[in-house]
Protein backbone atom coordinates (compact mmCIF):
# COMPACT_ATOMS: atom_id res chain seq x y z
CA UNK A 1 -1.77 -14.74 -14.17
CA UNK A 2 -2.21 -11.03 -14.71
CA UNK A 3 -5.73 -11.15 -13.25
CA UNK A 4 -4.57 -12.90 -10.13
CA UNK A 5 -1.78 -10.29 -9.75
CA UNK A 6 -4.26 -7.51 -10.45
CA UNK A 7 -6.65 -8.82 -7.73
CA UNK A 8 -3.60 -8.89 -5.23
CA UNK A 9 -3.04 -5.23 -6.15
CA UNK A 10 -6.48 -4.34 -5.82
CA UNK A 11 -6.89 -5.84 -2.20
CA UNK A 12 -3.67 -4.37 -1.18
CA UNK A 13 -5.03 -0.77 -2.35
CA UNK A 14 -8.16 -1.37 -0.50
CA UNK A 15 -6.17 -2.33 2.73
CA UNK A 16 -4.22 0.97 2.35
CA UNK A 17 -7.69 2.87 2.71
CA UNK A 18 -7.59 2.03 6.49
CA UNK A 19 -4.34 4.44 6.68
CA UNK A 20 -6.76 7.26 5.34
CA UNK A 21 -10.13 6.63 6.76
CA UNK A 22 -8.79 6.29 10.42
CA UNK A 23 -6.78 9.71 10.64
CA UNK A 24 -9.37 11.44 8.77
CA UNK A 25 -12.02 9.99 11.16
CA UNK A 26 -14.21 8.67 8.39
CA UNK A 27 -14.31 5.19 10.06
CA UNK A 28 -13.57 4.01 13.61
CA UNK A 29 -11.89 0.79 13.54
CA UNK A 30 -11.22 -1.17 16.85
CA UNK A 31 -8.26 -2.91 15.50
CA UNK A 32 -6.88 0.34 14.38
CA UNK A 33 -7.66 3.11 16.71
CA UNK A 34 -7.10 6.84 15.96
CA UNK A 35 -3.75 8.03 17.09
CA UNK A 36 -1.39 10.92 16.16
CA UNK A 37 1.83 9.04 16.70
CA UNK A 38 3.99 7.29 14.22
CA UNK A 39 6.91 4.92 14.42
CA UNK A 40 5.40 2.66 17.07
CA UNK A 41 4.45 5.86 19.23
CA UNK A 42 7.91 7.31 19.25
CA UNK A 43 7.05 10.52 17.39
CA UNK A 44 3.84 12.65 17.78
CA UNK A 45 2.94 14.33 14.62
CA UNK A 46 -0.36 15.93 15.92
CA UNK A 47 -3.74 15.87 14.01
CA UNK A 48 -2.44 17.72 11.15
CA UNK A 49 0.51 15.51 10.51
CA UNK A 50 -1.44 12.27 10.76
CA UNK A 51 -3.96 13.59 8.35
CA UNK A 52 -1.04 14.39 5.85
CA UNK A 53 0.23 10.85 6.25
CA UNK A 54 -3.42 9.62 5.81
CA UNK A 55 -3.35 11.43 2.34
CA UNK A 56 -0.31 9.59 1.50
CA UNK A 57 -1.93 6.30 2.34
CA UNK A 58 -4.73 7.26 0.12
CA UNK A 59 -2.54 8.22 -2.72
CA UNK A 60 -0.77 4.67 -2.51
CA UNK A 61 -4.09 3.12 -2.39
CA UNK A 62 -5.26 4.60 -5.65
CA UNK A 63 -1.89 4.02 -7.13
CA UNK A 64 -2.25 0.23 -6.40
CA UNK A 65 -5.78 0.17 -7.71
CA UNK A 66 -4.50 1.79 -10.87
CA UNK A 67 -1.75 -0.99 -10.93
CA UNK A 68 -4.51 -3.57 -10.69
CA UNK A 69 -6.28 -2.29 -13.85
CA UNK A 70 -3.04 -1.69 -15.70
CA UNK A 71 -1.61 -5.14 -15.12
CA UNK A 72 -5.07 -6.84 -15.95
CA UNK A 73 -5.23 -4.58 -19.24
CA UNK A 74 -1.60 -5.49 -20.03
CA UNK A 75 -0.36 -1.92 -20.06
CA UNK A 76 3.45 -2.02 -20.01
CA UNK A 77 3.89 0.88 -17.62
CA UNK A 78 2.20 -1.21 -14.72
CA UNK A 79 5.61 -2.48 -13.54
CA UNK A 80 7.24 0.86 -12.73
CA UNK A 81 4.10 2.25 -11.04
CA UNK A 82 3.99 -0.89 -8.88
CA UNK A 83 7.84 -0.33 -8.05
CA UNK A 84 6.90 3.15 -7.03
CA UNK A 85 3.88 2.26 -4.99
CA UNK A 86 5.62 -0.65 -3.32
CA UNK A 87 8.44 1.55 -2.15
CA UNK A 88 6.07 4.13 -0.71
CA UNK A 89 3.94 1.33 0.81
CA UNK A 90 7.07 -0.08 2.69
CA UNK A 91 7.70 3.48 4.09
CA UNK A 92 4.12 3.73 5.24
CA UNK A 93 4.16 0.42 7.03
CA UNK A 94 7.42 1.61 8.89
CA UNK A 95 5.61 4.64 9.76
CA UNK A 96 2.52 2.86 10.82
CA UNK A 97 4.14 0.01 12.73
CA UNK A 98 2.71 -2.21 14.38
CA UNK A 99 -0.62 -1.93 12.96
CA UNK A 100 0.64 -2.14 9.41
CA UNK A 101 2.95 -5.26 9.90
CA UNK A 102 0.67 -7.44 7.78
CA UNK A 103 1.52 -5.16 4.93
CA UNK A 104 5.18 -5.81 5.00
CA UNK A 105 4.45 -9.39 4.10
CA UNK A 106 2.09 -8.27 1.25
CA UNK A 107 4.86 -5.91 0.15
CA UNK A 108 7.48 -8.58 0.20
CA UNK A 109 5.15 -10.79 -1.97
CA UNK A 110 4.58 -7.95 -4.36
CA UNK A 111 8.51 -7.49 -4.43
CA UNK A 112 8.80 -11.20 -5.32
CA UNK A 113 6.31 -10.72 -8.23
CA UNK A 114 8.36 -7.81 -9.56
CA UNK A 115 11.70 -9.37 -9.39
CA UNK A 116 10.23 -12.50 -10.96
CA UNK A 117 9.07 -10.36 -13.74
CA UNK A 118 12.03 -8.39 -14.20
CA UNK A 119 14.24 -11.55 -14.44
CA UNK A 120 11.71 -13.22 -16.69
CA UNK A 121 10.94 -15.83 -14.29
CA UNK A 122 7.47 -15.06 -14.04
CA UNK A 123 5.29 -14.00 -17.10
CA UNK A 124 2.51 -11.65 -16.26
CA UNK A 125 1.41 -10.56 -19.69
């Protein structure tokens, strides 16, 4: 089970990279165009602001990748790092809405895993 969850975390982390590469203009993606607005176009943060938010996307991507390794290696601290990464990920999906709407569903799935683990319903290790 821990490897399945690790793969979920890894894929989610890779998906977060889109939030970094587009604002930094490392990649051009048709389905996620470059823009300087957040909150569904309501707030314009400018080029510097969107790059700063892009750095947060990168940090969360890296956090999920570390979570993937930690849960796979049965390191006990994976749980709390995943909680923190998931809270930040939810924040980013709100900021990046509507392009990030799929991330909301994945975050809900991760929360279910976390709750199941905390309550002992799901044995990860």
